[in-house]
Amino acid sequence: MVRPHVQLTTTNHSAELRHHLRATLPMLQALPGVVGITLNGGLARGYGDHLSEIDVTIYLTPAHFAQWQRQQSPLALGITKIRGQLYDIKVVDLAAEQTTPWSDNALWDASIPFTSL
């Protein structure tokens, strides 16, 4: 699959945004039930401007996913601010995700694991 290449017409702030994420990762990794985190969106593809948020998907154990869905998540989901930066946080049940066939679009959206930062 050939990935599209984006041409920014604004200043690319991806380095600063990734730096912010690297500093925030220990807090996210320490949340109960977290088994993985991926970076998604434009930042995963190497671009982000002054309007960008940091898109992450947090993969959880089934029990913790159910708990978080009952409004018992330890942090706000969706668009939220962490340490002064906008994040778009999505949570996924890893066990359910592993039984779902992946499409090209899903593979594109999942992008890169946090260890690639």
PDB file of N, CA and C in Angstrom:
ATOM      1  N   MET A   1       0.850  -1.172   0.000  1.00  0.00           N
ATOM      2  CA  MET A   1       0.000   0.000   0.000  1.00  0.00           C
ATOM      3  C   MET A   1       0.894   1.233   0.000  1.00  0.00           C
ATOM      4  N   VAL A   2       0.631   2.151  -0.890  1.00  0.00           N
ATOM      5  CA  VAL A   2       1.382   3.395  -0.965  1.00  0.00           C
ATOM      6  C   VAL A   2       0.649   4.434  -0.138  1.00  0.00           C
ATOM      7  N   ARG A   3       1.341   5.007   0.829  1.00  0.00           N
ATOM      8  CA  ARG A   3       0.729   6.020   1.682  1.00  0.00           C
ATOM      9  C   ARG A   3       0.748   7.374   0.991  1.00  0.00           C
ATOM     10  N   PRO A   4      -0.362   8.099   1.099  1.00  0.00           N
ATOM     11  CA  PRO A   4      -0.371   9.455   0.533  1.00  0.00           C
ATOM     12  C   PRO A   4       0.630  10.341   1.259  1.00  0.00           C
ATOM     13  N   HIS A   5       1.112  11.338   0.573  1.00  0.00           N
ATOM     14  CA  HIS A   5       2.047  12.281   1.169  1.00  0.00           C
ATOM     15  C   HIS A   5       1.351  13.628   1.304  1.00  0.00           C
ATOM     16  N   VAL A   6       1.394  14.190   2.482  1.00  0.00           N
ATOM     17  CA  VAL A   6       0.713  15.459   2.749  1.00  0.00           C
ATOM     18  C   VAL A   6       1.686  16.613   2.580  1.00  0.00           C
ATOM     19  N   GLN A   7       1.222  17.663   1.970  1.00  0.00           N
ATOM     20  CA  GLN A   7       2.002  18.884   1.789  1.00  0.00           C
ATOM     21  C   GLN A   7       1.413  19.949   2.708  1.00  0.00           C
ATOM     22  N   LEU A   8       2.144  20.345   3.735  1.00  0.00           N
ATOM     23  CA  LEU A   8       1.670  21.385   4.650  1.00  0.00           C
ATOM     24  C   LEU A   8       1.874  22.764   4.043  1.00  0.00           C
ATOM     25  N   THR A   9       0.898  23.623   4.281  1.00  0.00           N
ATOM     26  CA  THR A   9       1.072  25.025   3.884  1.00  0.00           C
ATOM     27  C   THR A   9       1.312  25.887   5.120  1.00  0.00           C
ATOM     28  N   THR A  10       1.340  25.238   6.296  1.00  0.00           N
ATOM     29  CA  THR A  10       1.626  25.933   7.554  1.00  0.00           C
ATOM     30  C   THR A  10       2.873  25.315   8.164  1.00  0.00           C
ATOM     31  N   THR A  11       3.358  25.898   9.233  1.00  0.00           N
ATOM     32  CA  THR A  11       4.540  25.379   9.908  1.00  0.00           C
ATOM     33  C   THR A  11       4.234  24.011  10.520  1.00  0.00           C
ATOM     34  N   ASN A  12       5.115  23.046  10.276  1.00  0.00           N
ATOM     35  CA  ASN A  12       4.957  21.705  10.817  1.00  0.00           C
ATOM     36  C   ASN A  12       5.462  21.679  12.256  1.00  0.00           C
ATOM     37  N   HIS A  13       4.568  21.394  13.193  1.00  0.00           N
ATOM     38  CA  HIS A  13       4.906  21.340  14.615  1.00  0.00           C
ATOM     39  C   HIS A  13       4.992  19.897  15.125  1.00  0.00           C
ATOM     40  N   SER A  14       5.182  18.939  14.219  1.00  0.00           N
ATOM     41  CA  SER A  14       5.147  17.538  14.635  1.00  0.00           C
ATOM     42  C   SER A  14       6.228  17.202  15.661  1.00  0.00           C
ATOM     43  N   ALA A  15       7.403  17.780  15.560  1.00  0.00           N
ATOM     44  CA  ALA A  15       8.471  17.473  16.521  1.00  0.00           C
ATOM     45  C   ALA A  15       8.072  17.888  17.931  1.00  0.00           C
ATOM     46  N   GLU A  16       7.487  19.073  18.071  1.00  0.00           N
ATOM     47  CA  GLU A  16       7.062  19.535  19.403  1.00  0.00           C
ATOM     48  C   GLU A  16       5.905  18.685  19.940  1.00  0.00           C
ATOM     49  N   LEU A  17       4.968  18.316  19.057  1.00  0.00           N
ATOM     50  CA  LEU A  17       3.832  17.504  19.481  1.00  0.00           C
ATOM     51  C   LEU A  17       4.288  16.109  19.908  1.00  0.00           C
ATOM     52  N   ARG A  18       5.214  15.521  19.157  1.00  0.00           N
ATOM     53  CA  ARG A  18       5.742  14.204  19.541  1.00  0.00           C
ATOM     54  C   ARG A  18       6.529  14.289  20.852  1.00  0.00           C
ATOM     55  N   HIS A  19       7.232  15.379  21.057  1.00  0.00           N
ATOM     56  CA  HIS A  19       7.943  15.576  22.316  1.00  0.00           C
ATOM     57  C   HIS A  19       6.943  15.606  23.476  1.00  0.00           C
ATOM     58  N   HIS A  20       5.838  16.301  23.293  1.00  0.00           N
ATOM     59  CA  HIS A  20       4.806  16.356  24.320  1.00  0.00           C
ATOM     60  C   HIS A  20       4.259  14.961  24.610  1.00  0.00           C
ATOM     61  N   LEU A  21       4.001  14.200  23.551  1.00  0.00           N
ATOM     62  CA  LEU A  21       3.492  12.842  23.722  1.00  0.00           C
ATOM     63  C   LEU A  21       4.499  11.962  24.451  1.00  0.00           C
ATOM     64  N   ARG A  22       5.773  12.053  24.078  1.00  0.00           N
ATOM     65  CA  ARG A  22       6.803  11.251  24.772  1.00  0.00           C
ATOM     66  C   ARG A  22       6.805  11.542  26.272  1.00  0.00           C
ATOM     67  N   ALA A  23       6.625  12.803  26.636  1.00  0.00           N
ATOM     68  CA  ALA A  23       6.602  13.172  28.058  1.00  0.00           C
ATOM     69  C   ALA A  23       5.325  12.703  28.748  1.00  0.00           C
ATOM     70  N   THR A  24       4.252  12.534  27.989  1.00  0.00           N
ATOM     71  CA  THR A  24       2.960  12.133  28.549  1.00  0.00           C
ATOM     72  C   THR A  24       2.787  10.619  28.590  1.00  0.00           C
ATOM     73  N   LEU A  25       3.522   9.890  27.764  1.00  0.00           N
ATOM     74  CA  LEU A  25       3.359   8.442  27.673  1.00  0.00           C
ATOM     75  C   LEU A  25       3.465   7.705  29.008  1.00  0.00           C
ATOM     76  N   PRO A  26       4.413   8.018  29.879  1.00  0.00           N
ATOM     77  CA  PRO A  26       4.463   7.277  31.144  1.00  0.00           C
ATOM     78  C   PRO A  26       3.153   7.367  31.931  1.00  0.00           C
ATOM     79  N   MET A  27       2.507   8.520  31.917  1.00  0.00           N
ATOM     80  CA  MET A  27       1.231   8.677  32.616  1.00  0.00           C
ATOM     81  C   MET A  27       0.150   7.819  31.954  1.00  0.00           C
ATOM     82  N   LEU A  28       0.122   7.813  30.627  1.00  0.00           N
ATOM     83  CA  LEU A  28      -0.879   7.018  29.920  1.00  0.00           C
ATOM     84  C   LEU A  28      -0.630   5.523  30.111  1.00  0.00           C
ATOM     85  N   GLN A  29       0.622   5.109  30.044  1.00  0.00           N
ATOM     86  CA  GLN A  29       0.963   3.695  30.200  1.00  0.00           C
ATOM     87  C   GLN A  29       0.637   3.182  31.600  1.00  0.00           C
ATOM     88  N   ALA A  30       0.667   4.053  32.589  1.00  0.00           N
ATOM     89  CA  ALA A  30       0.422   3.650  33.977  1.00  0.00           C
ATOM     90  C   ALA A  30      -1.064   3.530  34.316  1.00  0.00           C
ATOM     91  N   LEU A  31      -1.929   3.927  33.415  1.00  0.00           N
ATOM     92  CA  LEU A  31      -3.370   3.826  33.683  1.00  0.00           C
ATOM     93  C   LEU A  31      -3.769   2.362  33.801  1.00  0.00           C
ATOM     94  N   PRO A  32      -4.721   2.039  34.664  1.00  0.00           N
ATOM     95  CA  PRO A  32      -5.128   0.651  34.857  1.00  0.00           C
ATOM     96  C   PRO A  32      -5.672   0.015  33.577  1.00  0.00           C
ATOM     97  N   GLY A  33      -5.179  -1.172  33.256  1.00  0.00           N
ATOM     98  CA  GLY A  33      -5.692  -1.935  32.129  1.00  0.00           C
ATOM     99  C   GLY A  33      -5.073  -1.634  30.787  1.00  0.00           C
ATOM    100  N   VAL A  34      -4.148  -0.694  30.701  1.00  0.00           N
ATOM    101  CA  VAL A  34      -3.545  -0.332  29.416  1.00  0.00           C
ATOM    102  C   VAL A  34      -2.584  -1.438  28.976  1.00  0.00           C
ATOM    103  N   VAL A  35      -2.812  -1.932  27.755  1.00  0.00           N
ATOM    104  CA  VAL A  35      -1.928  -2.952  27.203  1.00  0.00           C
ATOM    105  C   VAL A  35      -1.223  -2.471  25.940  1.00  0.00           C
ATOM    106  N   GLY A  36      -1.596  -1.309  25.430  1.00  0.00           N
ATOM    107  CA  GLY A  36      -0.928  -0.754  24.259  1.00  0.00           C
ATOM    108  C   GLY A  36      -1.471   0.623  23.921  1.00  0.00           C
ATOM    109  N   ILE A  37      -0.672   1.373  23.193  1.00  0.00           N
ATOM    110  CA  ILE A  37      -1.057   2.726  22.766  1.00  0.00           C
ATOM    111  C   ILE A  37      -0.528   2.921  21.353  1.00  0.00           C
ATOM    112  N   THR A  38      -1.365   3.482  20.477  1.00  0.00           N
ATOM    113  CA  THR A  38      -0.898   3.849  19.142  1.00  0.00           C
ATOM    114  C   THR A  38      -1.119   5.330  18.922  1.00  0.00           C
ATOM    115  N   LEU A  39      -0.277   5.885  18.097  1.00  0.00           N
ATOM    116  CA  LEU A  39      -0.404   7.262  17.646  1.00  0.00           C
ATOM    117  C   LEU A  39      -1.110   7.225  16.307  1.00  0.00           C
ATOM    118  N   ASN A  40      -2.124   8.069  16.131  1.00  0.00           N
ATOM    119  CA  ASN A  40      -2.931   8.072  14.918  1.00  0.00           C
ATOM    120  C   ASN A  40      -2.941   9.463  14.311  1.00  0.00           C
ATOM    121  N   GLY A  41      -3.702   9.609  13.239  1.00  0.00           N
ATOM    122  CA  GLY A  41      -3.908  10.920  12.651  1.00  0.00           C
ATOM    123  C   GLY A  41      -2.676  11.461  11.947  1.00  0.00           C
ATOM    124  N   GLY A  42      -2.726  12.751  11.685  1.00  0.00           N
ATOM    125  CA  GLY A  42      -1.660  13.413  10.945  1.00  0.00           C
ATOM    126  C   GLY A  42      -0.306  13.317  11.605  1.00  0.00           C
ATOM    127  N   LEU A  43      -0.270  13.383  12.927  1.00  0.00           N
ATOM    128  CA  LEU A  43       1.005  13.337  13.634  1.00  0.00           C
ATOM    129  C   LEU A  43       1.721  12.006  13.402  1.00  0.00           C
ATOM    130  N   ALA A  44       0.963  10.927  13.283  1.00  0.00           N
ATOM    131  CA  ALA A  44       1.557   9.624  13.000  1.00  0.00           C
ATOM    132  C   ALA A  44       2.179   9.595  11.604  1.00  0.00           C
ATOM    133  N   ARG A  45       1.718  10.485  10.748  1.00  0.00           N
ATOM    134  CA  ARG A  45       2.216  10.552   9.379  1.00  0.00           C
ATOM    135  C   ARG A  45       3.252  11.648   9.208  1.00  0.00           C
ATOM    136  N   GLY A  46       3.614  12.296  10.320  1.00  0.00           N
ATOM    137  CA  GLY A  46       4.702  13.262  10.270  1.00  0.00           C
ATOM    138  C   GLY A  46       4.308  14.705  10.070  1.00  0.00           C
ATOM    139  N   TYR A  47       3.048  15.028  10.269  1.00  0.00           N
ATOM    140  CA  TYR A  47       2.672  16.423  10.144  1.00  0.00           C
ATOM    141  C   TYR A  47       1.680  16.826  11.227  1.00  0.00           C
ATOM    142  N   GLY A  48       1.775  18.037  11.624  1.00  0.00           N
ATOM    143  CA  GLY A  48       0.876  18.624  12.602  1.00  0.00           C
ATOM    144  C   GLY A  48       1.119  20.119  12.644  1.00  0.00           C
ATOM    145  N   ASP A  49       0.048  20.889  12.574  1.00  0.00           N
ATOM    146  CA  ASP A  49       0.225  22.335  12.622  1.00  0.00           C
ATOM    147  C   ASP A  49      -0.325  22.896  13.932  1.00  0.00           C
ATOM    148  N   HIS A  50      -0.486  24.189  13.991  1.00  0.00           N
ATOM    149  CA  HIS A  50      -0.922  24.856  15.216  1.00  0.00           C
ATOM    150  C   HIS A  50      -2.349  24.472  15.618  1.00  0.00           C
ATOM    151  N   LEU A  51      -3.107  23.842  14.745  1.00  0.00           N
ATOM    152  CA  LEU A  51      -4.477  23.413  15.053  1.00  0.00           C
ATOM    153  C   LEU A  51      -4.573  21.936  15.405  1.00  0.00           C
ATOM    154  N   SER A  52      -3.471  21.218  15.338  1.00  0.00           N
ATOM    155  CA  SER A  52      -3.490  19.767  15.530  1.00  0.00           C
ATOM    156  C   SER A  52      -3.619  19.368  16.989  1.00  0.00           C
ATOM    157  N   GLU A  53      -4.329  18.253  17.193  1.00  0.00           N
ATOM    158  CA  GLU A  53      -4.299  17.598  18.490  1.00  0.00           C
ATOM    159  C   GLU A  53      -3.498  16.311  18.328  1.00  0.00           C
ATOM    160  N   ILE A  54      -3.179  15.685  19.448  1.00  0.00           N
ATOM    161  CA  ILE A  54      -2.442  14.425  19.424  1.00  0.00           C
ATOM    162  C   ILE A  54      -3.476  13.308  19.518  1.00  0.00           C
ATOM    163  N   ASP A  55      -3.617  12.542  18.427  1.00  0.00           N
ATOM    164  CA  ASP A  55      -4.600  11.453  18.362  1.00  0.00           C
ATOM    165  C   ASP A  55      -3.951  10.162  18.845  1.00  0.00           C
ATOM    166  N   VAL A  56      -4.497   9.576  19.912  1.00  0.00           N
ATOM    167  CA  VAL A  56      -3.988   8.299  20.391  1.00  0.00           C
ATOM    168  C   VAL A  56      -5.146   7.334  20.610  1.00  0.00           C
ATOM    169  N   THR A  57      -4.847   6.058  20.398  1.00  0.00           N
ATOM    170  CA  THR A  57      -5.770   4.986  20.750  1.00  0.00           C
ATOM    171  C   THR A  57      -5.121   4.215  21.882  1.00  0.00           C
ATOM    172  N   ILE A  58      -5.873   4.026  22.946  1.00  0.00           N
ATOM    173  CA  ILE A  58      -5.397   3.262  24.103  1.00  0.00           C
ATOM    174  C   ILE A  58      -6.105   1.911  24.078  1.00  0.00           C
ATOM    175  N   TYR A  59      -5.330   0.843  24.013  1.00  0.00           N
ATOM    176  CA  TYR A  59      -5.864  -0.513  24.009  1.00  0.00           C
ATOM    177  C   TYR A  59      -5.908  -1.015  25.449  1.00  0.00           C
ATOM    178  N   LEU A  60      -7.081  -1.545  25.836  1.00  0.00           N
ATOM    179  CA  LEU A  60      -7.332  -1.954  27.213  1.00  0.00           C
ATOM    180  C   LEU A  60      -7.688  -3.430  27.295  1.00  0.00           C
ATOM    181  N   THR A  61      -7.535  -3.995  28.496  1.00  0.00           N
ATOM    182  CA  THR A  61      -8.048  -5.334  28.753  1.00  0.00           C
ATOM    183  C   THR A  61      -9.576  -5.257  28.671  1.00  0.00           C
ATOM    184  N   PRO A  62     -10.249  -6.382  28.398  1.00  0.00           N
ATOM    185  CA  PRO A  62     -11.707  -6.348  28.308  1.00  0.00           C
ATOM    186  C   PRO A  62     -12.386  -5.804  29.577  1.00  0.00           C
ATOM    187  N   ALA A  63     -11.926  -6.218  30.736  1.00  0.00           N
ATOM    188  CA  ALA A  63     -12.551  -5.752  31.988  1.00  0.00           C
ATOM    189  C   ALA A  63     -12.393  -4.248  32.165  1.00  0.00           C
ATOM    190  N   HIS A  64     -11.217  -3.734  31.881  1.00  0.00           N
ATOM    191  CA  HIS A  64     -10.998  -2.287  32.022  1.00  0.00           C
ATOM    192  C   HIS A  64     -11.749  -1.501  30.954  1.00  0.00           C
ATOM    193  N   PHE A  65     -11.839  -2.053  29.739  1.00  0.00           N
ATOM    194  CA  PHE A  65     -12.610  -1.378  28.703  1.00  0.00           C
ATOM    195  C   PHE A  65     -14.060  -1.231  29.150  1.00  0.00           C
ATOM    196  N   ALA A  66     -14.629  -2.308  29.675  1.00  0.00           N
ATOM    197  CA  ALA A  66     -16.024  -2.251  30.154  1.00  0.00           C
ATOM    198  C   ALA A  66     -16.170  -1.221  31.271  1.00  0.00           C
ATOM    199  N   GLN A  67     -15.213  -1.192  32.178  1.00  0.00           N
ATOM    200  CA  GLN A  67     -15.247  -0.219  33.274  1.00  0.00           C
ATOM    201  C   GLN A  67     -15.170   1.207  32.733  1.00  0.00           C
ATOM    202  N   TRP A  68     -14.255   1.452  31.808  1.00  0.00           N
ATOM    203  CA  TRP A  68     -14.102   2.799  31.241  1.00  0.00           C
ATOM    204  C   TRP A  68     -15.365   3.215  30.506  1.00  0.00           C
ATOM    205  N   GLN A  69     -16.047   2.261  29.849  1.00  0.00           N
ATOM    206  CA  GLN A  69     -17.271   2.577  29.119  1.00  0.00           C
ATOM    207  C   GLN A  69     -18.438   2.904  30.061  1.00  0.00           C
ATOM    208  N   ARG A  70     -18.353   2.466  31.294  1.00  0.00           N
ATOM    209  CA  ARG A  70     -19.379   2.800  32.290  1.00  0.00           C
ATOM    210  C   ARG A  70     -19.087   4.140  32.952  1.00  0.00           C
ATOM    211  N   GLN A  71     -18.402   5.012  32.254  1.00  0.00           N
ATOM    212  CA  GLN A  71     -18.080   6.353  32.749  1.00  0.00           C
ATOM    213  C   GLN A  71     -17.148   6.319  33.953  1.00  0.00           C
ATOM    214  N   GLN A  72     -16.310   5.290  34.027  1.00  0.00           N
ATOM    215  CA  GLN A  72     -15.360   5.180  35.121  1.00  0.00           C
ATOM    216  C   GLN A  72     -13.919   5.250  34.618  1.00  0.00           C
ATOM    217  N   SER A  73     -13.706   5.975  33.538  1.00  0.00           N
ATOM    218  CA  SER A  73     -12.343   6.095  33.023  1.00  0.00           C
ATOM    219  C   SER A  73     -11.556   7.076  33.879  1.00  0.00           C
ATOM    220  N   PRO A  74     -10.271   6.804  34.063  1.00  0.00           N
ATOM    221  CA  PRO A  74      -9.455   7.688  34.898  1.00  0.00           C
ATOM    222  C   PRO A  74      -9.034   8.986  34.212  1.00  0.00           C
ATOM    223  N   LEU A  75      -9.402   9.158  32.935  1.00  0.00           N
ATOM    224  CA  LEU A  75      -9.141  10.422  32.252  1.00  0.00           C
ATOM    225  C   LEU A  75     -10.250  10.653  31.244  1.00  0.00           C
ATOM    226  N   ALA A  76     -10.395  11.890  30.818  1.00  0.00           N
ATOM    227  CA  ALA A  76     -11.431  12.236  29.848  1.00  0.00           C
ATOM    228  C   ALA A  76     -11.103  11.616  28.497  1.00  0.00           C
ATOM    229  N   LEU A  77     -12.127  11.137  27.817  1.00  0.00           N
ATOM    230  CA  LEU A  77     -11.955  10.548  26.494  1.00  0.00           C
ATOM    231  C   LEU A  77     -12.436  11.529  25.438  1.00  0.00           C
ATOM    232  N   GLY A  78     -12.059  11.271  24.196  1.00  0.00           N
ATOM    233  CA  GLY A  78     -12.392  12.204  23.126  1.00  0.00           C
ATOM    234  C   GLY A  78     -11.408  13.358  23.158  1.00  0.00           C
ATOM    235  N   ILE A  79     -11.879  14.537  22.792  1.00  0.00           N
ATOM    236  CA  ILE A  79     -11.003  15.713  22.800  1.00  0.00           C
ATOM    237  C   ILE A  79     -10.854  16.186  24.238  1.00  0.00           C
ATOM    238  N   THR A  80      -9.610  16.221  24.699  1.00  0.00           N
ATOM    239  CA  THR A  80      -9.317  16.638  26.067  1.00  0.00           C
ATOM    240  C   THR A  80      -7.951  17.315  26.100  1.00  0.00           C
ATOM    241  N   LYS A  81      -7.722  18.074  27.125  1.00  0.00           N
ATOM    242  CA  LYS A  81      -6.439  18.763  27.259  1.00  0.00           C
ATOM    243  C   LYS A  81      -5.614  18.065  28.338  1.00  0.00           C
ATOM    244  N   ILE A  82      -4.380  17.740  27.997  1.00  0.00           N
ATOM    245  CA  ILE A  82      -3.434  17.138  28.937  1.00  0.00           C
ATOM    246  C   ILE A  82      -2.193  18.008  28.956  1.00  0.00           C
ATOM    247  N   ARG A  83      -1.861  18.506  30.136  1.00  0.00           N
ATOM    248  CA  ARG A  83      -0.673  19.348  30.308  1.00  0.00           C
ATOM    249  C   ARG A  83      -0.602  20.464  29.259  1.00  0.00           C
ATOM    250  N   GLY A  84      -1.753  21.084  28.972  1.00  0.00           N
ATOM    251  CA  GLY A  84      -1.785  22.222  28.080  1.00  0.00           C
ATOM    252  C   GLY A  84      -1.883  21.906  26.598  1.00  0.00           C
ATOM    253  N   GLN A  85      -1.929  20.628  26.218  1.00  0.00           N
ATOM    254  CA  GLN A  85      -1.986  20.234  24.804  1.00  0.00           C
ATOM    255  C   GLN A  85      -3.276  19.457  24.542  1.00  0.00           C
ATOM    256  N   LEU A  86      -3.902  19.713  23.408  1.00  0.00           N
ATOM    257  CA  LEU A  86      -5.101  18.966  23.034  1.00  0.00           C
ATOM    258  C   LEU A  86      -4.745  17.558  22.577  1.00  0.00           C
ATOM    259  N   TYR A  87      -5.493  16.591  23.095  1.00  0.00           N
ATOM    260  CA  TYR A  87      -5.402  15.193  22.697  1.00  0.00           C
ATOM    261  C   TYR A  87      -6.779  14.749  22.227  1.00  0.00           C
ATOM    262  N   ASP A  88      -6.808  13.772  21.334  1.00  0.00           N
ATOM    263  CA  ASP A  88      -8.044  13.089  20.971  1.00  0.00           C
ATOM    264  C   ASP A  88      -7.823  11.634  21.350  1.00  0.00           C
ATOM    265  N   ILE A  89      -8.478  11.206  22.440  1.00  0.00           N
ATOM    266  CA  ILE A  89      -8.208   9.893  23.022  1.00  0.00           C
ATOM    267  C   ILE A  89      -9.363   8.946  22.746  1.00  0.00           C
ATOM    268  N   LYS A  90      -9.025   7.817  22.154  1.00  0.00           N
ATOM    269  CA  LYS A  90      -9.982   6.748  21.874  1.00  0.00           C
ATOM    270  C   LYS A  90      -9.527   5.523  22.655  1.00  0.00           C
ATOM    271  N   VAL A  91     -10.470   4.748  23.195  1.00  0.00           N
ATOM    272  CA  VAL A  91     -10.116   3.498  23.871  1.00  0.00           C
ATOM    273  C   VAL A  91     -10.745   2.334  23.124  1.00  0.00           C
ATOM    274  N   VAL A  92     -10.029   1.199  23.143  1.00  0.00           N
ATOM    275  CA  VAL A  92     -10.446   0.006  22.415  1.00  0.00           C
ATOM    276  C   VAL A  92     -10.214  -1.208  23.303  1.00  0.00           C
ATOM    277  N   ASP A  93     -11.131  -2.166  23.242  1.00  0.00           N
ATOM    278  CA  ASP A  93     -10.964  -3.459  23.898  1.00  0.00           C
ATOM    279  C   ASP A  93     -10.031  -4.289  23.021  1.00  0.00           C
ATOM    280  N   LEU A  94      -8.829  -4.563  23.495  1.00  0.00           N
ATOM    281  CA  LEU A  94      -7.834  -5.265  22.682  1.00  0.00           C
ATOM    282  C   LEU A  94      -8.331  -6.641  22.258  1.00  0.00           C
ATOM    283  N   ALA A  95      -8.968  -7.387  23.159  1.00  0.00           N
ATOM    284  CA  ALA A  95      -9.442  -8.734  22.813  1.00  0.00           C
ATOM    285  C   ALA A  95     -10.468  -8.672  21.685  1.00  0.00           C
ATOM    286  N   ALA A  96     -11.389  -7.729  21.746  1.00  0.00           N
ATOM    287  CA  ALA A  96     -12.390  -7.582  20.678  1.00  0.00           C
ATOM    288  C   ALA A  96     -11.726  -7.142  19.376  1.00  0.00           C
ATOM    289  N   GLU A  97     -10.759  -6.267  19.489  1.00  0.00           N
ATOM    290  CA  GLU A  97     -10.053  -5.769  18.299  1.00  0.00           C
ATOM    291  C   GLU A  97      -9.312  -6.892  17.597  1.00  0.00           C
ATOM    292  N   GLN A  98      -8.781  -7.841  18.359  1.00  0.00           N
ATOM    293  CA  GLN A  98      -8.012  -8.935  17.772  1.00  0.00           C
ATOM    294  C   GLN A  98      -8.892  -9.905  16.996  1.00  0.00           C
ATOM    295  N   THR A  99     -10.200  -9.885  17.222  1.00  0.00           N
ATOM    296  CA  THR A  99     -11.106 -10.775  16.487  1.00  0.00           C
ATOM    297  C   THR A  99     -11.702 -10.096  15.263  1.00  0.00           C
ATOM    298  N   THR A 100     -11.420  -8.820  15.072  1.00  0.00           N
ATOM    299  CA  THR A 100     -11.971  -8.051  13.965  1.00  0.00           C
ATOM    300  C   THR A 100     -11.007  -8.067  12.782  1.00  0.00           C
ATOM    301  N   PRO A 101     -11.506  -8.412  11.594  1.00  0.00           N
ATOM    302  CA  PRO A 101     -10.619  -8.359  10.413  1.00  0.00           C
ATOM    303  C   PRO A 101     -10.181  -6.918  10.141  1.00  0.00           C
ATOM    304  N   TRP A 102      -8.934  -6.750   9.754  1.00  0.00           N
ATOM    305  CA  TRP A 102      -8.395  -5.417   9.478  1.00  0.00           C
ATOM    306  C   TRP A 102      -8.566  -5.085   8.006  1.00  0.00           C
ATOM    307  N   SER A 103      -9.084  -3.921   7.745  1.00  0.00           N
ATOM    308  CA  SER A 103      -9.166  -3.412   6.380  1.00  0.00           C
ATOM    309  C   SER A 103      -7.960  -2.511   6.134  1.00  0.00           C
ATOM    310  N   ASP A 104      -7.749  -2.145   4.896  1.00  0.00           N
ATOM    311  CA  ASP A 104      -6.662  -1.212   4.588  1.00  0.00           C
ATOM    312  C   ASP A 104      -6.846   0.096   5.345  1.00  0.00           C
ATOM    313  N   ASN A 105      -8.087   0.573   5.439  1.00  0.00           N
ATOM    314  CA  ASN A 105      -8.343   1.826   6.163  1.00  0.00           C
ATOM    315  C   ASN A 105      -8.023   1.695   7.642  1.00  0.00           C
ATOM    316  N   ALA A 106      -8.357   0.563   8.244  1.00  0.00           N
ATOM    317  CA  ALA A 106      -8.057   0.360   9.662  1.00  0.00           C
ATOM    318  C   ALA A 106      -6.551   0.305   9.892  1.00  0.00           C
ATOM    319  N   LEU A 107      -5.846  -0.377   9.006  1.00  0.00           N
ATOM    320  CA  LEU A 107      -4.387  -0.418   9.127  1.00  0.00           C
ATOM    321  C   LEU A 107      -3.791   0.977   8.997  1.00  0.00           C
ATOM    322  N   TRP A 108      -4.303   1.766   8.074  1.00  0.00           N
ATOM    323  CA  TRP A 108      -3.827   3.136   7.877  1.00  0.00           C
ATOM    324  C   TRP A 108      -4.093   3.960   9.123  1.00  0.00           C
ATOM    325  N   ASP A 109      -5.292   3.822   9.702  1.00  0.00           N
ATOM    326  CA  ASP A 109      -5.658   4.626  10.860  1.00  0.00           C
ATOM    327  C   ASP A 109      -4.859   4.237  12.092  1.00  0.00           C
ATOM    328  N   ALA A 110      -4.559   2.954  12.249  1.00  0.00           N
ATOM    329  CA  ALA A 110      -3.822   2.507  13.431  1.00  0.00           C
ATOM    330  C   ALA A 110      -2.407   3.059  13.440  1.00  0.00           C
ATOM    331  N   SER A 111      -1.825   3.237  12.289  1.00  0.00           N
ATOM    332  CA  SER A 111      -0.548   3.918  12.105  1.00  0.00           C
ATOM    333  C   SER A 111       0.620   3.262  12.809  1.00  0.00           C
ATOM    334  N   ILE A 112       1.086   3.842  13.925  1.00  0.00           N
ATOM    335  CA  ILE A 112       2.329   3.361  14.511  1.00  0.00           C
ATOM    336  C   ILE A 112       2.181   3.140  16.008  1.00  0.00           C
ATOM    337  N   PRO A 113       2.850   2.138  16.560  1.00  0.00           N
ATOM    338  CA  PRO A 113       2.826   1.956  18.017  1.00  0.00           C
ATOM    339  C   PRO A 113       3.690   3.021  18.694  1.00  0.00           C
ATOM    340  N   PHE A 114       3.409   3.280  19.965  1.00  0.00           N
ATOM    341  CA  PHE A 114       4.127   4.332  20.680  1.00  0.00           C
ATOM    342  C   PHE A 114       5.610   4.090  20.741  1.00  0.00           C
ATOM    343  N   THR A 115       6.060   2.842  20.621  1.00  0.00           N
ATOM    344  CA  THR A 115       7.482   2.560  20.713  1.00  0.00           C
ATOM    345  C   THR A 115       8.248   3.122  19.524  1.00  0.00           C
ATOM    346  N   SER A 116       7.537   3.511  18.462  1.00  0.00           N
ATOM    347  CA  SER A 116       8.200   4.070  17.286  1.00  0.00           C
ATOM    348  C   SER A 116       8.448   5.555  17.401  1.00  0.00           C
ATOM    349  N   LEU A 117       7.998   6.172  18.469  1.00  0.00           N
ATOM    350  CA  LEU A 117       8.177   7.614  18.609  1.00  0.00           C
ATOM    351  C   LEU A 117       9.641   7.938  18.755  1.00  0.00           C
TER     352      LEU A 117
END
